[in-house]
Amino acid sequence: MSGELSAVTTIEAGRISRPVPVKVWDVFVRVSHWLLVILFASAWYSGGIWDAPHLAAGYGVVAVAVARVVWGFIGPENARFSSFVHGPRVTVRYIAGMLHMRAPRYVGHNPAGAAMVIALLVTIAVICASGVMMTTDAFWGVKWVDNLHAASSTFALILVGLHIGGVIFASIEHGENLVRSMITGLKRGP
């Protein structure tokens, strides 16, 4: 295998050898991911019901999302956008391969996952901007701002569903638990 570790278990001299796990997701990426999950779910659930918790969760989302974007430029390699964001051609090719169960395995974000990160961050930015606008005198009660906030929140739920589906699909396709890796930070080595 030209120096690469085998993706499957091999038997060498009577011992089972497995690829060595590698650290992929740093603590900040993992904590910010799960904080966004909790805060977004809290904001979505409390929207239109509980103003104070909704605002608190919303501002929490703003803080975590801004910190994650900054980390995307200054964090370690696997956290940096420059190391995992690909152009549309690469992403479409990857998704086509994925649909045929022939997508290459990436240790970090794959091109579809990278596109999802960007789509979610942009959608969260729209939700947060419209939400903050709704708290100002200039936009209080303005229908298009309220509609934008609601529509972008619904779109985020659709993206979250696609993200979860993609994680499940990629976990099955490549035989690894991606949810566990987002908790431990470890993935099977290349």
Protein backbone atom coordinates (compact mmCIF):
# COMPACT_ATOMS: atom_id res chain seq x y z
CA MET A 1 0.00 0.00 0.00
CA SER A 2 2.86 2.36 -0.73
CA GLY A 3 3.56 3.38 2.88
CA GLU A 4 -0.06 4.06 3.82
CA LEU A 5 -1.80 2.40 6.72
CA SER A 6 -4.44 -0.09 5.70
CA ALA A 7 -8.01 1.03 6.38
CA VAL A 8 -8.92 -2.49 7.45
CA THR A 9 -7.60 -4.59 10.27
CA THR A 10 -4.61 -6.70 9.26
CA ILE A 11 -2.94 -9.62 10.94
CA GLU A 12 0.82 -9.35 11.31
CA ALA A 13 2.74 -12.18 12.97
CA GLY A 14 -0.35 -13.33 14.88
CA ARG A 15 -1.24 -9.84 16.18
CA ILE A 16 -4.11 -7.66 15.11
CA SER A 17 -2.93 -4.27 14.01
CA ARG A 18 -5.24 -1.31 13.45
CA PRO A 19 -4.48 2.11 11.99
CA VAL A 20 -3.34 4.51 14.65
CA PRO A 21 -5.98 7.12 15.50
CA VAL A 22 -4.97 10.67 14.70
CA LYS A 23 -6.07 13.89 16.38
CA VAL A 24 -8.23 15.75 13.89
CA TRP A 25 -10.59 18.06 15.76
CA ASP A 26 -9.11 20.31 18.42
CA VAL A 27 -11.01 21.08 21.63
CA PHE A 28 -12.22 24.47 20.35
CA VAL A 29 -13.76 22.99 17.19
CA ARG A 30 -15.50 20.23 19.15
CA VAL A 31 -16.79 22.47 21.94
CA SER A 32 -17.97 25.19 19.53
CA HIS A 33 -19.73 22.56 17.39
CA TRP A 34 -21.71 21.14 20.32
CA LEU A 35 -22.35 24.60 21.81
CA LEU A 36 -23.87 25.68 18.48
CA VAL A 37 -26.06 22.58 18.52
CA ILE A 38 -27.32 23.33 22.03
CA LEU A 39 -27.69 27.09 21.57
CA PHE A 40 -29.38 26.85 18.16
CA ALA A 41 -31.82 24.21 19.46
CA SER A 42 -32.57 26.40 22.50
CA ALA A 43 -33.08 29.50 20.36
CA TRP A 44 -35.29 27.62 17.90
CA TYR A 45 -37.40 26.04 20.66
CA SER A 46 -37.86 29.29 22.62
CA GLY A 47 -38.57 31.48 19.56
CA GLY A 48 -41.94 33.20 19.86
CA ILE A 49 -42.52 31.58 23.27
CA TRP A 50 -39.85 32.87 25.64
CA ASP A 51 -38.18 36.12 24.71
CA ALA A 52 -35.40 36.22 27.33
CA PRO A 53 -34.11 32.65 26.73
CA HIS A 54 -34.48 33.14 22.97
CA LEU A 55 -32.38 36.30 23.04
CA ALA A 56 -29.77 34.75 25.37
CA ALA A 57 -29.43 31.66 23.16
CA GLY A 58 -29.34 33.84 20.03
CA TYR A 59 -26.55 36.03 21.38
CA GLY A 60 -24.75 32.86 22.44
CA VAL A 61 -24.99 31.62 18.85
CA VAL A 62 -23.57 34.95 17.64
CA ALA A 63 -20.60 34.70 20.03
CA VAL A 64 -19.79 31.06 19.20
CA ALA A 65 -20.22 31.53 15.43
CA VAL A 66 -17.98 34.63 15.39
CA ALA A 67 -15.35 32.80 17.46
CA ARG A 68 -15.51 29.81 15.09
CA VAL A 69 -15.05 32.03 12.04
CA VAL A 70 -12.01 33.66 13.66
CA TRP A 71 -10.70 30.17 14.56
CA GLY A 72 -11.18 29.24 10.90
CA PHE A 73 -8.39 31.70 10.07
CA ILE A 74 -6.03 31.38 13.05
CA GLY A 75 -6.67 27.88 14.44
CA PRO A 76 -4.75 24.67 13.78
CA GLU A 77 -4.62 23.25 10.26
CA ASN A 78 -7.76 21.07 10.38
CA ALA A 79 -9.77 24.01 11.75
CA ARG A 80 -8.66 26.46 9.06
CA PHE A 81 -10.98 27.12 6.15
CA SER A 82 -7.97 27.22 3.82
CA SER A 83 -7.27 23.55 4.57
CA PHE A 84 -10.73 22.17 3.85
CA VAL A 85 -12.85 24.51 1.71
CA HIS A 86 -12.93 23.41 -1.93
CA GLY A 87 -14.42 24.90 -5.07
CA PRO A 88 -17.79 23.91 -6.51
CA ARG A 89 -16.34 21.43 -9.04
CA VAL A 90 -14.52 19.42 -6.39
CA THR A 91 -17.57 19.48 -4.13
CA VAL A 92 -19.97 18.34 -6.86
CA ARG A 93 -17.54 15.58 -7.91
CA TYR A 94 -17.25 14.45 -4.30
CA ILE A 95 -21.05 14.35 -3.85
CA ALA A 96 -21.42 12.36 -7.09
CA GLY A 97 -18.84 9.87 -5.81
CA MET A 98 -20.61 9.75 -2.47
CA LEU A 99 -23.93 8.90 -4.11
CA HIS A 100 -22.20 5.93 -5.78
CA MET A 101 -20.45 4.93 -2.50
CA ARG A 102 -17.08 5.71 -4.09
CA ALA A 103 -16.17 9.03 -2.49
CA PRO A 104 -12.60 9.26 -1.26
CA ARG A 105 -12.12 9.34 2.50
CA TYR A 106 -10.76 12.52 4.07
CA VAL A 107 -9.21 12.62 7.52
CA GLY A 108 -10.56 16.16 8.04
CA HIS A 109 -13.67 17.70 6.48
CA ASN A 110 -14.57 16.21 3.12
CA PRO A 111 -15.69 18.66 0.38
CA ALA A 112 -19.40 18.10 1.12
CA GLY A 113 -18.82 18.63 4.84
CA ALA A 114 -16.82 21.77 4.09
CA ALA A 115 -19.64 23.14 1.94
CA MET A 116 -22.05 22.40 4.78
CA VAL A 117 -19.85 24.26 7.29
CA ILE A 118 -19.89 27.33 5.05
CA ALA A 119 -23.64 27.06 4.32
CA LEU A 120 -24.45 26.74 8.02
CA LEU A 121 -22.19 29.63 9.03
CA VAL A 122 -23.68 31.91 6.35
CA THR A 123 -27.22 30.90 7.32
CA ILE A 124 -26.44 31.46 11.01
CA ALA A 125 -25.08 34.91 10.11
CA VAL A 126 -28.36 35.78 8.36
CA ILE A 127 -30.41 34.47 11.30
CA CYS A 128 -28.31 36.41 13.80
CA ALA A 129 -28.24 39.64 11.78
CA SER A 130 -32.01 39.59 11.24
CA GLY A 131 -32.57 38.68 14.90
CA VAL A 132 -30.44 41.59 16.11
CA MET A 133 -32.21 43.89 13.63
CA MET A 134 -35.56 42.88 15.15
CA THR A 135 -34.42 44.22 18.53
CA THR A 136 -33.71 47.74 17.20
CA ASP A 137 -36.15 50.64 16.91
CA ALA A 138 -35.48 50.91 13.17
CA PHE A 139 -36.56 47.33 12.40
CA TRP A 140 -38.93 46.49 15.28
CA GLY A 141 -42.08 44.99 13.74
CA VAL A 142 -40.81 45.25 10.14
CA LYS A 143 -42.36 42.29 8.35
CA TRP A 144 -39.59 41.49 5.87
CA VAL A 145 -37.03 41.28 8.69
CA ASP A 146 -39.30 38.96 10.66
CA ASN A 147 -39.89 36.85 7.52
CA LEU A 148 -36.15 36.70 6.78
CA HIS A 149 -35.46 35.57 10.34
CA ALA A 150 -38.14 32.86 10.19
CA ALA A 151 -37.19 31.66 6.68
CA SER A 152 -33.47 31.50 7.44
CA SER A 153 -34.23 29.60 10.68
CA THR A 154 -36.27 27.07 8.71
CA PHE A 155 -33.52 26.82 6.10
CA ALA A 156 -30.99 26.17 8.89
CA LEU A 157 -33.15 23.26 10.10
CA ILE A 158 -33.11 21.81 6.59
CA LEU A 159 -29.31 22.18 6.49
CA VAL A 160 -29.01 20.54 9.91
CA GLY A 161 -31.09 17.59 8.63
CA LEU A 162 -28.85 17.30 5.56
CA HIS A 163 -25.77 17.58 7.77
CA ILE A 164 -26.94 14.77 10.04
CA GLY A 165 -27.84 12.65 7.00
CA GLY A 166 -24.41 13.31 5.46
CA VAL A 167 -22.64 12.37 8.69
CA ILE A 168 -24.59 9.11 8.89
CA PHE A 169 -23.98 8.36 5.20
CA ALA A 170 -20.23 9.11 5.39
CA SER A 171 -19.94 7.09 8.61
CA ILE A 172 -21.46 4.08 6.87
CA GLU A 173 -19.54 4.60 3.61
CA HIS A 174 -16.15 4.84 5.31
CA GLY A 175 -16.83 2.56 8.27
CA GLU A 176 -16.16 5.10 11.01
CA ASN A 177 -18.22 6.86 13.65
CA LEU A 178 -17.99 10.56 12.79
CA VAL A 179 -20.11 11.59 15.78
CA ARG A 180 -17.63 9.90 18.11
CA SER A 181 -14.76 11.69 16.37
CA MET A 182 -16.50 15.03 16.98
CA ILE A 183 -16.58 14.10 20.67
CA THR A 184 -13.09 12.61 21.04
CA GLY A 185 -11.31 14.56 18.30
CA LEU A 186 -9.81 11.33 16.96
CA LYS A 187 -10.27 9.62 13.60
CA ARG A 188 -8.73 6.58 11.97
CA GLY A 189 -5.42 7.52 10.41
CA PRO A 190 -4.95 7.79 6.64
